[in-house]
PDB file of N, CA and C in Angstrom:
ATOM      1  N   UNK A   1      15.512-147.946 -17.236  1.00  0.00           N
ATOM      2  CA  UNK A   1      15.345-149.015 -18.205  1.00  0.00           C
ATOM      3  C   UNK A   1      16.507-150.013 -18.107  1.00  0.00           C
ATOM      4  N   UNK A   2      17.692-149.473 -17.837  1.00  0.00           N
ATOM      5  CA  UNK A   2      18.857-150.350 -17.689  1.00  0.00           C
ATOM      6  C   UNK A   2      18.652-151.352 -16.566  1.00  0.00           C
ATOM      7  N   UNK A   3      18.092-150.887 -15.450  1.00  0.00           N
ATOM      8  CA  UNK A   3      17.886-151.783 -14.310  1.00  0.00           C
ATOM      9  C   UNK A   3      16.845-152.842 -14.649  1.00  0.00           C
ATOM     10  N   UNK A   4      15.781-152.461 -15.338  1.00  0.00           N
ATOM     11  CA  UNK A   4      14.737-153.432 -15.714  1.00  0.00           C
ATOM     12  C   UNK A   4      15.295-154.559 -16.573  1.00  0.00           C
ATOM     13  N   UNK A   5      16.290-154.238 -17.388  1.00  0.00           N
ATOM     14  CA  UNK A   5      16.843-155.230 -18.309  1.00  0.00           C
ATOM     15  C   UNK A   5      18.160-155.835 -17.816  1.00  0.00           C
ATOM     16  N   UNK A   6      18.611-155.403 -16.634  1.00  0.00           N
ATOM     17  CA  UNK A   6      19.901-155.892 -16.149  1.00  0.00           C
ATOM     18  C   UNK A   6      19.778-157.271 -15.518  1.00  0.00           C
ATOM     19  N   UNK A   7      20.913-157.848 -15.241  1.00  0.00           N
ATOM     20  CA  UNK A   7      20.956-159.158 -14.591  1.00  0.00           C
ATOM     21  C   UNK A   7      20.569-159.067 -13.119  1.00  0.00           C
ATOM     22  N   UNK A   8      20.562-157.852 -12.578  1.00  0.00           N
ATOM     23  CA  UNK A   8      20.184-157.677 -11.170  1.00  0.00           C
ATOM     24  C   UNK A   8      18.683-157.827 -10.958  1.00  0.00           C
ATOM     25  N   UNK A   9      17.896-157.647 -12.028  1.00  0.00           N
ATOM     26  CA  UNK A   9      16.444-157.764 -11.908  1.00  0.00           C
ATOM     27  C   UNK A   9      16.053-159.241 -11.820  1.00  0.00           C
ATOM     28  N   UNK A  10      15.231-159.614 -10.856  1.00  0.00           N
ATOM     29  CA  UNK A  10      14.818-161.020 -10.734  1.00  0.00           C
ATOM     30  C   UNK A  10      14.005-161.466 -11.952  1.00  0.00           C
ATOM     31  N   UNK A  11      14.549-162.343 -12.750  1.00  0.00           N
ATOM     32  CA  UNK A  11      13.910-162.762 -14.012  1.00  0.00           C
ATOM     33  C   UNK A  11      12.540-163.398 -13.816  1.00  0.00           C
ATOM     34  N   UNK A  12      12.342-164.078 -12.709  1.00  0.00           N
ATOM     35  CA  UNK A  12      11.054-164.722 -12.500  1.00  0.00           C
ATOM     36  C   UNK A  12       9.951-163.708 -12.194  1.00  0.00           C
ATOM     37  N   UNK A  13      10.315-162.430 -12.072  1.00  0.00           N
ATOM     38  CA  UNK A  13       9.329-161.392 -11.791  1.00  0.00           C
ATOM     39  C   UNK A  13       9.116-160.462 -12.985  1.00  0.00           C
ATOM     40  N   UNK A  14       9.286-160.974 -14.174  1.00  0.00           N
ATOM     41  CA  UNK A  14       9.074-160.186 -15.387  1.00  0.00           C
ATOM     42  C   UNK A  14       7.615-160.296 -15.835  1.00  0.00           C
ATOM     43  N   UNK A  15       6.713-159.957 -14.940  1.00  0.00           N
ATOM     44  CA  UNK A  15       5.282-160.047 -15.214  1.00  0.00           C
ATOM     45  C   UNK A  15       4.737-158.780 -15.849  1.00  0.00           C
ATOM     46  N   UNK A  16       3.433-158.598 -15.769  1.00  0.00           N
ATOM     47  CA  UNK A  16       2.769-157.452 -16.399  1.00  0.00           C
ATOM     48  C   UNK A  16       3.267-156.095 -15.886  1.00  0.00           C
ATOM     49  N   UNK A  17       3.565-155.992 -14.601  1.00  0.00           N
ATOM     50  CA  UNK A  17       4.046-154.716 -14.062  1.00  0.00           C
ATOM     51  C   UNK A  17       5.405-154.374 -14.650  1.00  0.00           C
ATOM     52  N   UNK A  18       6.265-155.377 -14.774  1.00  0.00           N
ATOM     53  CA  UNK A  18       7.580-155.186 -15.382  1.00  0.00           C
ATOM     54  C   UNK A  18       7.430-154.800 -16.853  1.00  0.00           C
ATOM     55  N   UNK A  19       6.548-155.474 -17.567  1.00  0.00           N
ATOM     56  CA  UNK A  19       6.329-155.178 -18.989  1.00  0.00           C
ATOM     57  C   UNK A  19       5.816-153.757 -19.173  1.00  0.00           C
ATOM     58  N   UNK A  20       4.907-153.346 -18.284  1.00  0.00           N
ATOM     59  CA  UNK A  20       4.379-151.980 -18.357  1.00  0.00           C
ATOM     60  C   UNK A  20       5.499-150.958 -18.110  1.00  0.00           C
ATOM     61  N   UNK A  21       6.348-151.239 -17.144  1.00  0.00           N
ATOM     62  CA  UNK A  21       7.461-150.335 -16.846  1.00  0.00           C
ATOM     63  C   UNK A  21       8.410-150.227 -18.034  1.00  0.00           C
ATOM     64  N   UNK A  22       8.728-151.353 -18.627  1.00  0.00           N
ATOM     65  CA  UNK A  22       9.629-151.342 -19.783  1.00  0.00           C
ATOM     66  C   UNK A  22       9.017-150.570 -20.948  1.00  0.00           C
ATOM     67  N   UNK A  23       7.741-150.807 -21.211  1.00  0.00           N
ATOM     68  CA  UNK A  23       7.052-150.086 -22.293  1.00  0.00           C
ATOM     69  C   UNK A  23       6.985-148.590 -21.984  1.00  0.00           C
ATOM     70  N   UNK A  24       6.772-148.249 -20.731  1.00  0.00           N
ATOM     71  CA  UNK A  24       6.723-146.833 -20.331  1.00  0.00           C
ATOM     72  C   UNK A  24       8.068-146.160 -20.550  1.00  0.00           C
ATOM     73  N   UNK A  25       9.147-146.862 -20.230  1.00  0.00           N
ATOM     74  CA  UNK A  25      10.486-146.315 -20.466  1.00  0.00           C
ATOM     75  C   UNK A  25      10.722-146.068 -21.954  1.00  0.00           C
ATOM     76  N   UNK A  26      10.341-147.022 -22.765  1.00  0.00           N
ATOM     77  CA  UNK A  26      10.508-146.864 -24.218  1.00  0.00           C
ATOM     78  C   UNK A  26       9.694-145.678 -24.734  1.00  0.00           C
ATOM     79  N   UNK A  27       8.455-145.573 -24.276  1.00  0.00           N
ATOM     80  CA  UNK A  27       7.602-144.458 -24.698  1.00  0.00           C
ATOM     81  C   UNK A  27       8.178-143.122 -24.234  1.00  0.00           C
ATOM     82  N   UNK A  28       8.771-143.111 -23.059  1.00  0.00           N
ATOM     83  CA  UNK A  28       9.377-141.887 -22.556  1.00  0.00           C
ATOM     84  C   UNK A  28      10.592-141.491 -23.394  1.00  0.00           C
ATOM     85  N   UNK A  29      11.404-142.470 -23.745  1.00  0.00           N
ATOM     86  CA  UNK A  29      12.571-142.186 -24.586  1.00  0.00           C
ATOM     87  C   UNK A  29      12.168-141.650 -25.954  1.00  0.00           C
ATOM     88  N   UNK A  30      10.998-142.059 -26.427  1.00  0.00           N
ATOM     89  CA  UNK A  30      10.495-141.590 -27.716  1.00  0.00           C
ATOM     90  C   UNK A  30       9.736-140.266 -27.601  1.00  0.00           C
ATOM     91  N   UNK A  31       9.632-139.747 -26.380  1.00  0.00           N
ATOM     92  CA  UNK A  31       8.963-138.478 -26.175  1.00  0.00           C
ATOM     93  C   UNK A  31       7.451-138.575 -26.093  1.00  0.00           C
ATOM     94  N   UNK A  32       6.912-139.778 -25.975  1.00  0.00           N
ATOM     95  CA  UNK A  32       5.465-139.974 -25.930  1.00  0.00           C
ATOM     96  C   UNK A  32       4.904-139.956 -24.512  1.00  0.00           C
ATOM     97  N   UNK A  33       5.776-140.040 -23.515  1.00  0.00           N
ATOM     98  CA  UNK A  33       5.347-140.134 -22.126  1.00  0.00           C
ATOM     99  C   UNK A  33       6.313-139.322 -21.268  1.00  0.00           C
ATOM    100  N   UNK A  34       5.789-138.570 -20.320  1.00  0.00           N
ATOM    101  CA  UNK A  34       6.704-137.809 -19.442  1.00  0.00           C
ATOM    102  C   UNK A  34       7.603-138.756 -18.636  1.00  0.00           C
ATOM    103  N   UNK A  35       8.841-138.369 -18.417  1.00  0.00           N
ATOM    104  CA  UNK A  35       9.762-139.211 -17.643  1.00  0.00           C
ATOM    105  C   UNK A  35       9.239-139.556 -16.249  1.00  0.00           C
ATOM    106  N   UNK A  36       8.485-138.649 -15.657  1.00  0.00           N
ATOM    107  CA  UNK A  36       7.965-138.931 -14.310  1.00  0.00           C
ATOM    108  C   UNK A  36       6.996-140.112 -14.325  1.00  0.00           C
ATOM    109  N   UNK A  37       6.227-140.253 -15.385  1.00  0.00           N
ATOM    110  CA  UNK A  37       5.297-141.394 -15.490  1.00  0.00           C
ATOM    111  C   UNK A  37       6.063-142.689 -15.693  1.00  0.00           C
ATOM    112  N   UNK A  38       7.129-142.639 -16.477  1.00  0.00           N
ATOM    113  CA  UNK A  38       7.958-143.835 -16.671  1.00  0.00           C
ATOM    114  C   UNK A  38       8.615-144.234 -15.363  1.00  0.00           C
ATOM    115  N   UNK A  39       9.074-143.258 -14.605  1.00  0.00           N
ATOM    116  CA  UNK A  39       9.685-143.542 -13.313  1.00  0.00           C
ATOM    117  C   UNK A  39       8.671-144.173 -12.369  1.00  0.00           C
ATOM    118  N   UNK A  40       7.456-143.652 -12.347  1.00  0.00           N
ATOM    119  CA  UNK A  40       6.406-144.223 -11.502  1.00  0.00           C
ATOM    120  C   UNK A  40       6.163-145.688 -11.855  1.00  0.00           C
ATOM    121  N   UNK A  41       6.163-145.994 -13.138  1.00  0.00           N
ATOM    122  CA  UNK A  41       5.958-147.381 -13.580  1.00  0.00           C
ATOM    123  C   UNK A  41       7.127-148.261 -13.115  1.00  0.00           C
ATOM    124  N   UNK A  42       8.338-147.732 -13.180  1.00  0.00           N
ATOM    125  CA  UNK A  42       9.514-148.498 -12.723  1.00  0.00           C
ATOM    126  C   UNK A  42       9.473-148.733 -11.216  1.00  0.00           C
ATOM    127  N   UNK A  43       9.061-147.732 -10.476  1.00  0.00           N
ATOM    128  CA  UNK A  43       8.956-147.870  -9.023  1.00  0.00           C
ATOM    129  C   UNK A  43       7.901-148.924  -8.682  1.00  0.00           C
ATOM    130  N   UNK A  44       6.773-148.905  -9.389  1.00  0.00           N
ATOM    131  CA  UNK A  44       5.730-149.911  -9.159  1.00  0.00           C
ATOM    132  C   UNK A  44       6.239-151.310  -9.456  1.00  0.00           C
ATOM    133  N   UNK A  45       6.976-151.453 -10.535  1.00  0.00           N
ATOM    134  CA  UNK A  45       7.529-152.765 -10.891  1.00  0.00           C
ATOM    135  C   UNK A  45       8.531-153.236  -9.846  1.00  0.00           C
ATOM    136  N   UNK A  46       9.351-152.326  -9.360  1.00  0.00           N
ATOM    137  CA  UNK A  46      10.338-152.689  -8.341  1.00  0.00           C
ATOM    138  C   UNK A  46       9.647-153.126  -7.058  1.00  0.00           C
ATOM    139  N   UNK A  47       8.622-152.420  -6.668  1.00  0.00           N
ATOM    140  CA  UNK A  47       7.896-152.810  -5.459  1.00  0.00           C
ATOM    141  C   UNK A  47       7.197-154.147  -5.651  1.00  0.00           C
ATOM    142  N   UNK A  48       6.666-154.387  -6.832  1.00  0.00           N
ATOM    143  CA  UNK A  48       6.035-155.680  -7.117  1.00  0.00           C
ATOM    144  C   UNK A  48       7.057-156.806  -7.048  1.00  0.00           C
ATOM    145  N   UNK A  49       8.313-156.476  -7.349  1.00  0.00           N
ATOM    146  CA  UNK A  49       9.400-157.462  -7.288  1.00  0.00           C
ATOM    147  C   UNK A  49      10.034-157.522  -5.901  1.00  0.00           C
ATOM    148  N   UNK A  50       9.441-156.805  -4.936  1.00  0.00           N
ATOM    149  CA  UNK A  50       9.931-156.774  -3.551  1.00  0.00           C
ATOM    150  C   UNK A  50      11.332-156.191  -3.453  1.00  0.00           C
ATOM    151  N   UNK A  51      11.608-155.180  -4.270  1.00  0.00           N
ATOM    152  CA  UNK A  51      12.881-154.480  -4.237  1.00  0.00           C
ATOM    153  C   UNK A  51      12.684-153.123  -3.587  1.00  0.00           C
ATOM    154  N   UNK A  52      13.677-152.654  -2.858  1.00  0.00           N
ATOM    155  CA  UNK A  52      13.610-151.324  -2.262  1.00  0.00           C
ATOM    156  C   UNK A  52      13.904-150.290  -3.331  1.00  0.00           C
ATOM    157  N   UNK A  53      13.232-149.173  -3.223  1.00  0.00           N
ATOM    158  CA  UNK A  53      13.454-148.058  -4.133  1.00  0.00           C
ATOM    159  C   UNK A  53      13.864-146.861  -3.285  1.00  0.00           C
ATOM    160  N   UNK A  54      15.110-146.489  -3.398  1.00  0.00           N
ATOM    161  CA  UNK A  54      15.611-145.343  -2.644  1.00  0.00           C
ATOM    162  C   UNK A  54      15.660-144.129  -3.554  1.00  0.00           C
ATOM    163  N   UNK A  55      15.310-142.970  -3.127  1.00  0.00           N
ATOM    164  CA  UNK A  55      14.975-142.589  -1.764  1.00  0.00           C
ATOM    165  C   UNK A  55      13.497-142.760  -1.424  1.00  0.00           C
ATOM    166  N   UNK A  56      12.661-143.209  -2.354  1.00  0.00           N
ATOM    167  CA  UNK A  56      11.221-143.305  -2.124  1.00  0.00           C
ATOM    168  C   UNK A  56      10.859-144.098  -0.870  1.00  0.00           C
ATOM    169  N   UNK A  57      11.347-145.314  -0.764  1.00  0.00           N
ATOM    170  CA  UNK A  57      10.997-146.170   0.361  1.00  0.00           C
ATOM    171  C   UNK A  57      11.592-145.666   1.661  1.00  0.00           C
ATOM    172  N   UNK A  58      12.782-145.106   1.600  1.00  0.00           N
ATOM    173  CA  UNK A  58      13.417-144.557   2.792  1.00  0.00           C
ATOM    174  C   UNK A  58      12.578-143.402   3.345  1.00  0.00           C
ATOM    175  N   UNK A  59      12.094-142.549   2.450  1.00  0.00           N
ATOM    176  CA  UNK A  59      11.276-141.413   2.866  1.00  0.00           C
ATOM    177  C   UNK A  59       9.934-141.903   3.422  1.00  0.00           C
ATOM    178  N   UNK A  60       9.360-142.925   2.797  1.00  0.00           N
ATOM    179  CA  UNK A  60       8.091-143.471   3.269  1.00  0.00           C
ATOM    180  C   UNK A  60       8.255-144.068   4.668  1.00  0.00           C
ATOM    181  N   UNK A  61       9.350-144.766   4.904  1.00  0.00           N
ATOM    182  CA  UNK A  61       9.594-145.339   6.225  1.00  0.00           C
ATOM    183  C   UNK A  61       9.770-144.242   7.277  1.00  0.00           C
ATOM    184  N   UNK A  62      10.468-143.175   6.908  1.00  0.00           N
ATOM    185  CA  UNK A  62      10.650-142.061   7.849  1.00  0.00           C
ATOM    186  C   UNK A  62       9.320-141.418   8.184  1.00  0.00           C
ATOM    187  N   UNK A  63       8.468-141.213   7.166  1.00  0.00           N
ATOM    188  CA  UNK A  63       7.195-140.552   7.425  1.00  0.00           C
ATOM    189  C   UNK A  63       6.286-141.444   8.262  1.00  0.00           C
ATOM    190  N   UNK A  64       6.355-142.751   8.073  1.00  0.00           N
ATOM    191  CA  UNK A  64       5.575-143.660   8.912  1.00  0.00           C
ATOM    192  C   UNK A  64       6.043-143.598  10.358  1.00  0.00           C
ATOM    193  N   UNK A  65       7.346-143.563  10.551  1.00  0.00           N
ATOM    194  CA  UNK A  65       7.895-143.533  11.906  1.00  0.00           C
ATOM    195  C   UNK A  65       7.529-142.236  12.612  1.00  0.00           C
ATOM    196  N   UNK A  66       7.397-141.165  11.871  1.00  0.00           N
ATOM    197  CA  UNK A  66       7.095-139.868  12.471  1.00  0.00           C
ATOM    198  C   UNK A  66       5.600-139.576  12.526  1.00  0.00           C
ATOM    199  N   UNK A  67       4.770-140.455  12.019  1.00  0.00           N
ATOM    200  CA  UNK A  67       3.340-140.174  11.954  1.00  0.00           C
ATOM    201  C   UNK A  67       2.723-140.154  13.350  1.00  0.00           C
ATOM    202  N   UNK A  68       1.711-139.310  13.550  1.00  0.00           N
ATOM    203  CA  UNK A  68       1.045-139.245  14.856  1.00  0.00           C
ATOM    204  C   UNK A  68       0.405-140.586  15.237  1.00  0.00           C
ATOM    205  N   UNK A  69      -0.116-141.324  14.268  1.00  0.00           N
ATOM    206  CA  UNK A  69      -0.733-142.611  14.558  1.00  0.00           C
ATOM    207  C   UNK A  69       0.283-143.559  15.178  1.00  0.00           C
ATOM    208  N   UNK A  70       1.481-143.584  14.658  1.00  0.00           N
ATOM    209  CA  UNK A  70       2.515-144.464  15.210  1.00  0.00           C
ATOM    210  C   UNK A  70       2.797-144.094  16.663  1.00  0.00           C
ATOM    211  N   UNK A  71       2.857-142.815  16.960  1.00  0.00           N
ATOM    212  CA  UNK A  71       3.125-142.385  18.324  1.00  0.00           C
ATOM    213  C   UNK A  71       2.019-142.837  19.268  1.00  0.00           C
ATOM    214  N   UNK A  72       0.780-142.792  18.801  1.00  0.00           N
ATOM    215  CA  UNK A  72      -0.342-143.238  19.621  1.00  0.00           C
ATOM    216  C   UNK A  72      -0.237-144.729  19.894  1.00  0.00           C
ATOM    217  N   UNK A  73       0.102-145.511  18.850  1.00  0.00           N
ATOM    218  CA  UNK A  73       0.232-146.957  19.023  1.00  0.00           C
ATOM    219  C   UNK A  73       1.361-147.272  19.999  1.00  0.00           C
ATOM    220  N   UNK A  74       2.495-146.598  19.871  1.00  0.00           N
ATOM    221  CA  UNK A  74       3.618-146.838  20.772  1.00  0.00           C
ATOM    222  C   UNK A  74       3.224-146.450  22.187  1.00  0.00           C
ATOM    223  N   UNK A  75       2.584-145.330  22.365  1.00  0.00           N
ATOM    224  CA  UNK A  75       2.174-144.883  23.694  1.00  0.00           C
ATOM    225  C   UNK A  75       1.201-145.883  24.307  1.00  0.00           C
ATOM    226  N   UNK A  76       0.250-146.383  23.521  1.00  0.00           N
ATOM    227  CA  UNK A  76      -0.709-147.362  24.020  1.00  0.00           C
ATOM    228  C   UNK A  76       0.015-148.619  24.488  1.00  0.00           C
ATOM    229  N   UNK A  77       0.992-149.070  23.718  1.00  0.00           N
ATOM    230  CA  UNK A  77       1.757-150.256  24.110  1.00  0.00           C
ATOM    231  C   UNK A  77       2.524-150.002  25.408  1.00  0.00           C
ATOM    232  N   UNK A  78       3.085-148.803  25.513  1.00  0.00           N
ATOM    233  CA  UNK A  78       3.809-148.467  26.731  1.00  0.00           C
ATOM    234  C   UNK A  78       2.861-148.461  27.928  1.00  0.00           C
ATOM    235  N   UNK A  79       1.666-147.896  27.740  1.00  0.00           N
ATOM    236  CA  UNK A  79       0.697-147.864  28.824  1.00  0.00           C
ATOM    237  C   UNK A  79       0.276-149.269  29.227  1.00  0.00           C
ATOM    238  N   UNK A  80       0.042-150.125  28.233  1.00  0.00           N
ATOM    239  CA  UNK A  80      -0.371-151.503  28.523  1.00  0.00           C
ATOM    240  C   UNK A  80       0.735-152.262  29.240  1.00  0.00           C
ATOM    241  N   UNK A  81       1.973-151.934  28.918  1.00  0.00           N
ATOM    242  CA  UNK A  81       3.098-152.621  29.550  1.00  0.00           C
ATOM    243  C   UNK A  81       3.418-152.025  30.913  1.00  0.00           C
ATOM    244  N   UNK A  82       2.808-150.874  31.218  1.00  0.00           N
ATOM    245  CA  UNK A  82       3.043-150.226  32.497  1.00  0.00           C
ATOM    246  C   UNK A  82       4.350-149.488  32.580  1.00  0.00           C
ATOM    247  N   UNK A  83       4.919-149.157  31.415  1.00  0.00           N
ATOM    248  CA  UNK A  83       6.222-148.500  31.427  1.00  0.00           C
ATOM    249  C   UNK A  83       6.115-146.976  31.369  1.00  0.00           C
ATOM    250  N   UNK A  84       4.888-146.454  31.364  1.00  0.00           N
ATOM    251  CA  UNK A  84       4.721-144.999  31.317  1.00  0.00           C
ATOM    252  C   UNK A  84       4.038-144.563  32.601  1.00  0.00           C
ATOM    253  N   UNK A  85       4.608-143.547  33.233  1.00  0.00           N
ATOM    254  CA  UNK A  85       3.995-143.009  34.445  1.00  0.00           C
ATOM    255  C   UNK A  85       2.727-142.253  34.064  1.00  0.00           C
ATOM    256  N   UNK A  86       1.683-142.445  34.782  1.00  0.00           N
ATOM    257  CA  UNK A  86       0.475-141.773  34.374  1.00  0.00           C
ATOM    258  C   UNK A  86      -0.357-141.398  35.445  1.00  0.00           C
TER     259      UNK A  86
END
């Protein structure tokens, strides 16, 4: 909640996602909403504001890099470029 209301948050991005995140934080502090749901709302608001969320985004980038689909795409590019012996 501190980050949502801090000066670091881009003010021009205080739209509906930001409002939902702020309301979720308040509801969580009052015991009406689990903290994990409030966190999810904050992460969504941060992504809508084009902000990185660590460790979430870092883990997502790692899993994308390690995905089998990525390896297939890289291998295909290598084959097309002729850089793989075959």
